[in-house]
C-alpha atoms as a PDB file:
ATOM      1  CA  UNK A   1      -9.130 -11.582  13.896  1.00  0.00           C
ATOM      2  CA  UNK A   2      -7.492 -13.046  16.951  1.00  0.00           C
ATOM      3  CA  UNK A   3      -5.291 -10.937  19.348  1.00  0.00           C
ATOM      4  CA  UNK A   4      -2.225 -13.274  19.106  1.00  0.00           C
ATOM      5  CA  UNK A   5       0.953 -11.524  18.194  1.00  0.00           C
ATOM      6  CA  UNK A   6       1.336 -13.253  14.973  1.00  0.00           C
ATOM      7  CA  UNK A   7       3.862 -10.744  13.632  1.00  0.00           C
ATOM      8  CA  UNK A   8       6.219 -10.919  16.555  1.00  0.00           C
ATOM      9  CA  UNK A   9       9.811 -11.205  15.413  1.00  0.00           C
ATOM     10  CA  UNK A  10       8.869 -10.040  12.043  1.00  0.00           C
ATOM     11  CA  UNK A  11       9.669  -6.696  10.270  1.00  0.00           C
ATOM     12  CA  UNK A  12       7.015  -4.757   8.206  1.00  0.00           C
ATOM     13  CA  UNK A  13       8.349  -2.083   5.798  1.00  0.00           C
ATOM     14  CA  UNK A  14       5.471   0.323   4.900  1.00  0.00           C
ATOM     15  CA  UNK A  15       6.145   3.050   2.234  1.00  0.00           C
ATOM     16  CA  UNK A  16       4.166   6.212   2.460  1.00  0.00           C
ATOM     17  CA  UNK A  17       3.601   5.842   6.245  1.00  0.00           C
ATOM     18  CA  UNK A  18       3.772   9.489   7.293  1.00  0.00           C
ATOM     19  CA  UNK A  19      -0.029   9.633   6.976  1.00  0.00           C
ATOM     20  CA  UNK A  20      -3.129   7.929   5.808  1.00  0.00           C
ATOM     21  CA  UNK A  21      -3.177   4.219   4.936  1.00  0.00           C
ATOM     22  CA  UNK A  22       0.490   3.753   5.702  1.00  0.00           C
ATOM     23  CA  UNK A  23       0.090   5.298   9.240  1.00  0.00           C
ATOM     24  CA  UNK A  24      -2.772   3.116  10.079  1.00  0.00           C
ATOM     25  CA  UNK A  25      -1.279  -0.088   8.770  1.00  0.00           C
ATOM     26  CA  UNK A  26       1.888   0.598  10.803  1.00  0.00           C
ATOM     27  CA  UNK A  27      -0.193   0.976  13.884  1.00  0.00           C
ATOM     28  CA  UNK A  28      -2.049  -2.328  13.010  1.00  0.00           C
ATOM     29  CA  UNK A  29       1.086  -4.223  12.394  1.00  0.00           C
ATOM     30  CA  UNK A  30       2.708  -3.015  15.611  1.00  0.00           C
ATOM     31  CA  UNK A  31      -0.505  -4.144  17.495  1.00  0.00           C
ATOM     32  CA  UNK A  32       0.402  -7.732  16.315  1.00  0.00           C
ATOM     33  CA  UNK A  33       3.953  -7.375  17.453  1.00  0.00           C
ATOM     34  CA  UNK A  34       5.801  -6.331  14.261  1.00  0.00           C
ATOM     35  CA  UNK A  35       8.822  -4.223  14.255  1.00  0.00           C
ATOM     36  CA  UNK A  36       8.550  -1.493  11.747  1.00  0.00           C
ATOM     37  CA  UNK A  37      10.505   0.278   9.000  1.00  0.00           C
ATOM     38  CA  UNK A  38       8.306   3.413   8.191  1.00  0.00           C
ATOM     39  CA  UNK A  39       9.208   5.227   5.018  1.00  0.00           C
ATOM     40  CA  UNK A  40       8.156   8.556   3.487  1.00  0.00           C
ATOM     41  CA  UNK A  41       9.666  11.653   2.063  1.00  0.00           C
ATOM     42  CA  UNK A  42       7.968  13.549   4.981  1.00  0.00           C
ATOM     43  CA  UNK A  43      10.143  13.105   8.079  1.00  0.00           C
ATOM     44  CA  UNK A  44       7.844  14.973  10.366  1.00  0.00           C
ATOM     45  CA  UNK A  45       4.863  12.676   9.254  1.00  0.00           C
ATOM     46  CA  UNK A  46       7.066   9.670  10.146  1.00  0.00           C
ATOM     47  CA  UNK A  47       7.963  11.102  13.515  1.00  0.00           C
ATOM     48  CA  UNK A  48       4.275  11.669  14.187  1.00  0.00           C
ATOM     49  CA  UNK A  49       3.541   8.020  13.286  1.00  0.00           C
ATOM     50  CA  UNK A  50       6.337   6.741  15.351  1.00  0.00           C
ATOM     51  CA  UNK A  51       5.191   8.650  18.368  1.00  0.00           C
ATOM     52  CA  UNK A  52       1.591   7.461  17.898  1.00  0.00           C
ATOM     53  CA  UNK A  53       2.695   3.934  17.897  1.00  0.00           C
ATOM     54  CA  UNK A  54       5.148   4.024  20.826  1.00  0.00           C
ATOM     55  CA  UNK A  55       2.457   5.531  23.026  1.00  0.00           C
ATOM     56  CA  UNK A  56       0.816   2.016  23.128  1.00  0.00           C
ATOM     57  CA  UNK A  57       3.327  -0.413  21.680  1.00  0.00           C
ATOM     58  CA  UNK A  58       6.663  -1.604  22.510  1.00  0.00           C
ATOM     59  CA  UNK A  59       8.199  -2.259  19.171  1.00  0.00           C
ATOM     60  CA  UNK A  60      11.369  -1.349  17.387  1.00  0.00           C
ATOM     61  CA  UNK A  61      10.855   1.489  14.742  1.00  0.00           C
ATOM     62  CA  UNK A  62      13.259   2.553  12.027  1.00  0.00           C
ATOM     63  CA  UNK A  63      12.445   5.964  10.322  1.00  0.00           C
ATOM     64  CA  UNK A  64      13.558   5.780   6.681  1.00  0.00           C
ATOM     65  CA  UNK A  65      13.220   8.918   4.788  1.00  0.00           C
ATOM     66  CA  UNK A  66      13.576   8.099   1.091  1.00  0.00           C
ATOM     67  CA  UNK A  67      12.117   8.912  -2.271  1.00  0.00           C
ATOM     68  CA  UNK A  68      11.046   5.413  -3.595  1.00  0.00           C
ATOM     69  CA  UNK A  69      11.078   6.505  -7.110  1.00  0.00           C
ATOM     70  CA  UNK A  70      14.961   6.851  -6.864  1.00  0.00           C
ATOM     71  CA  UNK A  71      16.505   3.487  -6.855  1.00  0.00           C
ATOM     72  CA  UNK A  72      19.707   4.671  -5.192  1.00  0.00           C
ATOM     73  CA  UNK A  73      17.757   6.025  -2.232  1.00  0.00           C
ATOM     74  CA  UNK A  74      15.796   2.693  -2.092  1.00  0.00           C
ATOM     75  CA  UNK A  75      19.174   0.756  -2.038  1.00  0.00           C
ATOM     76  CA  UNK A  76      20.527   3.132   0.591  1.00  0.00           C
ATOM     77  CA  UNK A  77      17.243   2.560   2.696  1.00  0.00           C
ATOM     78  CA  UNK A  78      17.523  -1.284   2.267  1.00  0.00           C
ATOM     79  CA  UNK A  79      21.080  -1.208   3.456  1.00  0.00           C
ATOM     80  CA  UNK A  80      19.877   0.807   6.505  1.00  0.00           C
ATOM     81  CA  UNK A  81      17.201  -1.798   7.159  1.00  0.00           C
ATOM     82  CA  UNK A  82      19.431  -4.660   7.344  1.00  0.00           C
ATOM     83  CA  UNK A  83      21.990  -2.993   9.542  1.00  0.00           C
ATOM     84  CA  UNK A  84      19.208  -2.740  12.047  1.00  0.00           C
ATOM     85  CA  UNK A  85      16.942  -5.780  11.401  1.00  0.00           C
ATOM     86  CA  UNK A  86      17.577  -9.461  10.192  1.00  0.00           C
ATOM     87  CA  UNK A  87      14.342  -9.659   8.022  1.00  0.00           C
ATOM     88  CA  UNK A  88      11.541  -7.915   6.200  1.00  0.00           C
ATOM     89  CA  UNK A  89       8.572 -10.266   6.237  1.00  0.00           C
ATOM     90  CA  UNK A  90       6.014  -7.587   5.058  1.00  0.00           C
ATOM     91  CA  UNK A  91       6.607  -5.130   2.322  1.00  0.00           C
ATOM     92  CA  UNK A  92       3.785  -2.764   1.817  1.00  0.00           C
ATOM     93  CA  UNK A  93       3.906  -0.684  -1.343  1.00  0.00           C
ATOM     94  CA  UNK A  94       1.651   2.121  -0.106  1.00  0.00           C
ATOM     95  CA  UNK A  95       3.189   5.390  -1.213  1.00  0.00           C
ATOM     96  CA  UNK A  96       1.440   6.957  -3.989  1.00  0.00           C
ATOM     97  CA  UNK A  97       0.362  10.407  -5.752  1.00  0.00           C
ATOM     98  CA  UNK A  98      -2.706  11.363  -7.534  1.00  0.00           C
ATOM     99  CA  UNK A  99      -1.395  13.389 -10.401  1.00  0.00           C
ATOM    100  CA  UNK A 100      -4.456  15.640 -10.628  1.00  0.00           C
ATOM    101  CA  UNK A 101      -7.634  15.600 -12.672  1.00  0.00           C
ATOM    102  CA  UNK A 102      -6.424  14.971 -16.238  1.00  0.00           C
ATOM    103  CA  UNK A 103      -7.541  12.779 -18.958  1.00  0.00           C
ATOM    104  CA  UNK A 104      -4.485  10.577 -19.840  1.00  0.00           C
ATOM    105  CA  UNK A 105      -3.826  12.137 -23.241  1.00  0.00           C
ATOM    106  CA  UNK A 106      -4.229  15.732 -21.940  1.00  0.00           C
ATOM    107  CA  UNK A 107      -1.648  15.205 -19.112  1.00  0.00           C
ATOM    108  CA  UNK A 108       1.732  16.815 -19.330  1.00  0.00           C
ATOM    109  CA  UNK A 109       4.696  14.539 -19.678  1.00  0.00           C
ATOM    110  CA  UNK A 110       6.016  15.620 -16.492  1.00  0.00           C
ATOM    111  CA  UNK A 111       2.737  14.513 -14.755  1.00  0.00           C
ATOM    112  CA  UNK A 112       3.056  11.082 -16.482  1.00  0.00           C
ATOM    113  CA  UNK A 113       6.683  10.717 -15.436  1.00  0.00           C
ATOM    114  CA  UNK A 114       6.028  11.766 -11.756  1.00  0.00           C
ATOM    115  CA  UNK A 115       2.944   9.575 -11.176  1.00  0.00           C
ATOM    116  CA  UNK A 116       4.342   6.595 -12.913  1.00  0.00           C
ATOM    117  CA  UNK A 117       7.706   6.995 -11.089  1.00  0.00           C
ATOM    118  CA  UNK A 118       6.139   6.969  -7.556  1.00  0.00           C
ATOM    119  CA  UNK A 119       3.113   4.598  -8.110  1.00  0.00           C
ATOM    120  CA  UNK A 120       4.685   2.176 -10.291  1.00  0.00           C
ATOM    121  CA  UNK A 121       8.523   2.419 -10.411  1.00  0.00           C
ATOM    122  CA  UNK A 122       8.644   2.989  -6.638  1.00  0.00           C
ATOM    123  CA  UNK A 123       6.918  -0.173  -5.811  1.00  0.00           C
ATOM    124  CA  UNK A 124       9.081  -2.029  -8.398  1.00  0.00           C
ATOM    125  CA  UNK A 125      12.277  -0.416  -6.837  1.00  0.00           C
ATOM    126  CA  UNK A 126      11.225  -1.754  -3.322  1.00  0.00           C
ATOM    127  CA  UNK A 127      10.282  -5.137  -4.394  1.00  0.00           C
ATOM    128  CA  UNK A 128      13.539  -5.521  -6.498  1.00  0.00           C
ATOM    129  CA  UNK A 129      15.670  -4.277  -3.659  1.00  0.00           C
ATOM    130  CA  UNK A 130      14.034  -6.850  -1.043  1.00  0.00           C
ATOM    131  CA  UNK A 131      12.978 -10.019  -2.897  1.00  0.00           C
ATOM    132  CA  UNK A 132      16.304 -11.848  -2.758  1.00  0.00           C
ATOM    133  CA  UNK A 133      16.582 -11.293   1.005  1.00  0.00           C
ATOM    134  CA  UNK A 134      13.005 -12.477   1.357  1.00  0.00           C
ATOM    135  CA  UNK A 135      13.677 -15.710  -0.631  1.00  0.00           C
ATOM    136  CA  UNK A 136      16.359 -16.601   2.022  1.00  0.00           C
ATOM    137  CA  UNK A 137      14.096 -16.118   5.072  1.00  0.00           C
ATOM    138  CA  UNK A 138      13.536 -19.823   5.630  1.00  0.00           C
ATOM    139  CA  UNK A 139      13.012 -19.309   9.310  1.00  0.00           C
ATOM    140  CA  UNK A 140       9.413 -18.371   8.457  1.00  0.00           C
ATOM    141  CA  UNK A 141       7.120 -21.143   7.472  1.00  0.00           C
ATOM    142  CA  UNK A 142       5.023 -21.849   5.474  1.00  0.00           C
ATOM    143  CA  UNK A 143       5.299 -18.322   4.074  1.00  0.00           C
ATOM    144  CA  UNK A 144       8.894 -16.663   3.951  1.00  0.00           C
ATOM    145  CA  UNK A 145       7.546 -13.123   3.099  1.00  0.00           C
ATOM    146  CA  UNK A 146       4.511 -11.088   1.959  1.00  0.00           C
ATOM    147  CA  UNK A 147       4.063  -8.270  -0.357  1.00  0.00           C
ATOM    148  CA  UNK A 148       0.938  -5.992  -0.289  1.00  0.00           C
ATOM    149  CA  UNK A 149       0.446  -3.458  -2.983  1.00  0.00           C
ATOM    150  CA  UNK A 150      -1.980  -0.694  -2.329  1.00  0.00           C
ATOM    151  CA  UNK A 151      -3.576  -0.016  -5.711  1.00  0.00           C
ATOM    152  CA  UNK A 152      -6.982   1.711  -6.236  1.00  0.00           C
ATOM    153  CA  UNK A 153     -10.397   0.881  -7.601  1.00  0.00           C
ATOM    154  CA  UNK A 154      -9.482   3.613 -10.292  1.00  0.00           C
ATOM    155  CA  UNK A 155      -7.121   0.771 -11.704  1.00  0.00           C
ATOM    156  CA  UNK A 156      -9.896  -1.919 -11.886  1.00  0.00           C
ATOM    157  CA  UNK A 157     -11.898  -2.928 -14.884  1.00  0.00           C
ATOM    158  CA  UNK A 158     -15.146  -1.167 -13.551  1.00  0.00           C
ATOM    159  CA  UNK A 159     -13.286   1.619 -11.955  1.00  0.00           C
ATOM    160  CA  UNK A 160     -11.020   3.052 -14.713  1.00  0.00           C
ATOM    161  CA  UNK A 161     -11.649   6.816 -14.607  1.00  0.00           C
ATOM    162  CA  UNK A 162     -10.794   9.214 -17.325  1.00  0.00           C
ATOM    163  CA  UNK A 163     -10.792  11.978 -14.874  1.00  0.00           C
ATOM    164  CA  UNK A 164      -7.914  10.292 -13.111  1.00  0.00           C
ATOM    165  CA  UNK A 165      -6.155   9.228 -16.340  1.00  0.00           C
ATOM    166  CA  UNK A 166      -2.531   8.611 -15.411  1.00  0.00           C
ATOM    167  CA  UNK A 167      -3.358   7.677 -11.949  1.00  0.00           C
ATOM    168  CA  UNK A 168      -5.791   5.066 -13.241  1.00  0.00           C
ATOM    169  CA  UNK A 169      -3.227   3.653 -15.525  1.00  0.00           C
ATOM    170  CA  UNK A 170      -0.556   3.595 -12.808  1.00  0.00           C
ATOM    171  CA  UNK A 171      -2.775   1.716 -10.481  1.00  0.00           C
ATOM    172  CA  UNK A 172      -3.822  -0.771 -13.252  1.00  0.00           C
ATOM    173  CA  UNK A 173      -0.058  -1.355 -13.683  1.00  0.00           C
ATOM    174  CA  UNK A 174       0.473  -2.123 -10.081  1.00  0.00           C
ATOM    175  CA  UNK A 175      -2.354  -4.577 -10.154  1.00  0.00           C
ATOM    176  CA  UNK A 176      -0.719  -6.280 -13.083  1.00  0.00           C
ATOM    177  CA  UNK A 177       2.590  -6.222 -11.206  1.00  0.00           C
ATOM    178  CA  UNK A 178       1.014  -7.926  -8.332  1.00  0.00           C
ATOM    179  CA  UNK A 179      -0.255 -10.813 -10.547  1.00  0.00           C
ATOM    180  CA  UNK A 180       3.259 -11.133 -12.235  1.00  0.00           C
ATOM    181  CA  UNK A 181       5.192 -11.055  -8.881  1.00  0.00           C
ATOM    182  CA  UNK A 182       2.823 -13.663  -7.448  1.00  0.00           C
ATOM    183  CA  UNK A 183       3.727 -15.976 -10.141  1.00  0.00           C
ATOM    184  CA  UNK A 184       7.504 -15.162 -10.006  1.00  0.00           C
ATOM    185  CA  UNK A 185       7.788 -15.380  -6.246  1.00  0.00           C
ATOM    186  CA  UNK A 186       5.182 -18.056  -5.419  1.00  0.00           C
ATOM    187  CA  UNK A 187       7.751 -20.970  -5.819  1.00  0.00           C
ATOM    188  CA  UNK A 188      10.003 -19.153  -3.104  1.00  0.00           C
ATOM    189  CA  UNK A 189       6.861 -19.194  -0.756  1.00  0.00           C
ATOM    190  CA  UNK A 190       6.295 -15.353  -1.047  1.00  0.00           C
ATOM    191  CA  UNK A 191       2.722 -14.169  -1.511  1.00  0.00           C
ATOM    192  CA  UNK A 192       1.907 -11.075  -3.410  1.00  0.00           C
ATOM    193  CA  UNK A 193      -1.600  -9.466  -3.090  1.00  0.00           C
ATOM    194  CA  UNK A 194      -3.127  -6.105  -3.728  1.00  0.00           C
ATOM    195  CA  UNK A 195      -5.844  -3.896  -1.998  1.00  0.00           C
ATOM    196  CA  UNK A 196      -7.900  -1.448  -4.041  1.00  0.00           C
ATOM    197  CA  UNK A 197      -9.619   1.151  -1.963  1.00  0.00           C
ATOM    198  CA  UNK A 198     -12.456   3.154  -3.250  1.00  0.00           C
ATOM    199  CA  UNK A 199     -13.089   6.556  -1.867  1.00  0.00           C
ATOM    200  CA  UNK A 200     -11.512   7.141   1.576  1.00  0.00           C
ATOM    201  CA  UNK A 201     -10.716  10.055   3.836  1.00  0.00           C
ATOM    202  CA  UNK A 202      -6.967  10.347   3.117  1.00  0.00           C
ATOM    203  CA  UNK A 203      -4.585  13.126   2.188  1.00  0.00           C
ATOM    204  CA  UNK A 204      -4.910  12.129  -1.528  1.00  0.00           C
ATOM    205  CA  UNK A 205      -8.434  13.594  -1.282  1.00  0.00           C
ATOM    206  CA  UNK A 206      -7.023  16.408   1.160  1.00  0.00           C
ATOM    207  CA  UNK A 207      -8.990  14.620   4.112  1.00  0.00           C
ATOM    208  CA  UNK A 208     -12.085  16.359   2.758  1.00  0.00           C
ATOM    209  CA  UNK A 209     -15.390  14.512   2.563  1.00  0.00           C
ATOM    210  CA  UNK A 210     -16.947  17.366   0.589  1.00  0.00           C
ATOM    211  CA  UNK A 211     -14.504  17.080  -2.189  1.00  0.00           C
ATOM    212  CA  UNK A 212     -15.105  13.314  -2.307  1.00  0.00           C
ATOM    213  CA  UNK A 213     -18.874  13.865  -2.512  1.00  0.00           C
ATOM    214  CA  UNK A 214     -18.308  16.469  -5.316  1.00  0.00           C
ATOM    215  CA  UNK A 215     -16.165  13.910  -7.427  1.00  0.00           C
ATOM    216  CA  UNK A 216     -18.769  11.211  -6.878  1.00  0.00           C
ATOM    217  CA  UNK A 217     -21.608  13.571  -8.017  1.00  0.00           C
ATOM    218  CA  UNK A 218     -19.563  14.802 -11.112  1.00  0.00           C
ATOM    219  CA  UNK A 219     -19.243  11.022 -12.292  1.00  0.00           C
ATOM    220  CA  UNK A 220     -22.997  10.191 -11.249  1.00  0.00           C
ATOM    221  CA  UNK A 221     -21.593   7.446  -8.966  1.00  0.00           C
ATOM    222  CA  UNK A 222     -23.659   6.328  -5.917  1.00  0.00           C
ATOM    223  CA  UNK A 223     -22.275   4.114  -3.138  1.00  0.00           C
ATOM    224  CA  UNK A 224     -24.493   1.090  -2.208  1.00  0.00           C
ATOM    225  CA  UNK A 225     -22.884   1.419   1.326  1.00  0.00           C
ATOM    226  CA  UNK A 226     -23.285   5.210   1.437  1.00  0.00           C
ATOM    227  CA  UNK A 227     -20.319   5.954   3.556  1.00  0.00           C
ATOM    228  CA  UNK A 228     -16.863   7.483   2.863  1.00  0.00           C
ATOM    229  CA  UNK A 229     -14.260   4.889   3.821  1.00  0.00           C
ATOM    230  CA  UNK A 230     -12.156   5.045   7.032  1.00  0.00           C
ATOM    231  CA  UNK A 231      -8.426   4.276   6.557  1.00  0.00           C
ATOM    232  CA  UNK A 232      -8.515   1.907   9.429  1.00  0.00           C
ATOM    233  CA  UNK A 233     -10.741  -0.471   7.150  1.00  0.00           C
ATOM    234  CA  UNK A 234      -7.839  -0.670   4.739  1.00  0.00           C
ATOM    235  CA  UNK A 235      -5.609  -1.445   7.525  1.00  0.00           C
ATOM    236  CA  UNK A 236      -7.848  -4.308   8.694  1.00  0.00           C
ATOM    237  CA  UNK A 237      -7.712  -5.907   5.229  1.00  0.00           C
ATOM    238  CA  UNK A 238      -3.966  -5.494   5.064  1.00  0.00           C
ATOM    239  CA  UNK A 239      -3.723  -7.082   8.661  1.00  0.00           C
ATOM    240  CA  UNK A 240      -5.740 -10.076   7.333  1.00  0.00           C
ATOM    241  CA  UNK A 241      -3.435 -10.502   4.393  1.00  0.00           C
ATOM    242  CA  UNK A 242      -0.550 -10.171   6.740  1.00  0.00           C
ATOM    243  CA  UNK A 243      -1.864 -12.999   8.907  1.00  0.00           C
ATOM    244  CA  UNK A 244      -1.500 -16.758   8.756  1.00  0.00           C
ATOM    245  CA  UNK A 245      -5.375 -16.885   7.524  1.00  0.00           C
ATOM    246  CA  UNK A 246      -4.107 -15.490   4.290  1.00  0.00           C
ATOM    247  CA  UNK A 247      -1.086 -17.738   3.742  1.00  0.00           C
ATOM    248  CA  UNK A 248      -2.710 -19.537   0.704  1.00  0.00           C
ATOM    249  CA  UNK A 249      -3.786 -16.427  -1.081  1.00  0.00           C
ATOM    250  CA  UNK A 250      -1.741 -14.866  -3.723  1.00  0.00           C
ATOM    251  CA  UNK A 251      -2.093 -12.794  -6.766  1.00  0.00           C
ATOM    252  CA  UNK A 252      -5.369 -11.402  -5.750  1.00  0.00           C
ATOM    253  CA  UNK A 253      -6.710  -7.842  -5.795  1.00  0.00           C
ATOM    254  CA  UNK A 254      -8.921  -7.145  -2.684  1.00  0.00           C
ATOM    255  CA  UNK A 255     -11.462  -4.406  -3.526  1.00  0.00           C
ATOM    256  CA  UNK A 256     -12.780  -2.459  -0.518  1.00  0.00           C
ATOM    257  CA  UNK A 257     -15.131   0.255  -1.915  1.00  0.00           C
ATOM    258  CA  UNK A 258     -18.562   0.104  -0.365  1.00  0.00           C
ATOM    259  CA  UNK A 259     -19.710  -1.285  -3.623  1.00  0.00           C
ATOM    260  CA  UNK A 260     -18.518   1.449  -5.819  1.00  0.00           C
ATOM    261  CA  UNK A 261     -17.295  -0.604  -8.702  1.00  0.00           C
ATOM    262  CA  UNK A 262     -20.276  -2.813  -8.839  1.00  0.00           C
ATOM    263  CA  UNK A 263     -22.661   0.250  -8.802  1.00  0.00           C
ATOM    264  CA  UNK A 264     -21.476   2.155 -11.793  1.00  0.00           C
ATOM    265  CA  UNK A 265     -24.398   2.615 -14.322  1.00  0.00           C
ATOM    266  CA  UNK A 266     -26.683   0.586 -12.081  1.00  0.00           C
ATOM    267  CA  UNK A 267     -27.775   2.863  -9.349  1.00  0.00           C
END
């Protein structure tokens, strides 16, 4: 990746950016010149992300505390965004929750509702709130805007996991929405892609490599590249999708998993 500021003059809105993948993506986008809207329900996490970025980058940052599963809060956030900025070139639907270790039919209704509300409806709320504005961003050529959905290997054909039942279903749905939105928004020069990480050191795994190894052992899964992922690697893929190099890529799900999903029942 070249070092030019290809996101200068462009705004990136990243949900769930108080920690983990969201924080690393915010840092990566700022390095390429993007101004930022960082969203989370954890305002202290957002302040930490902001302070980390401003140590090294001279960009504008809006802190947007909002629950993306609540459409009214997303509408209020959108209003706040366009009071400060004139565009959102990048929407990264990153916020997500795991829902615990439950087979889908053993999960309580409240677990189903909560996981689907954040992981699926939240992304839908944000895309719905922004897509009309994105369509009008003719100042950006050849692509007017980009949407990146952070899904999971647990939502892929080889990675569906009964121990993560509702979570797996939610991420499979997000991958399906990625393809649907690519079809719906492509004629308006908006690309939509997903990234499906495997096992990474993030808050969803309590930043605990031992917990990750236990989960892999429980399922008898071996990683061909026997390393637990670093959140910066997901940020690197997001940066590629945000770059001009990916302007002709849409409707795709980029799997970054050290070979996890090709290894099941083979190693």
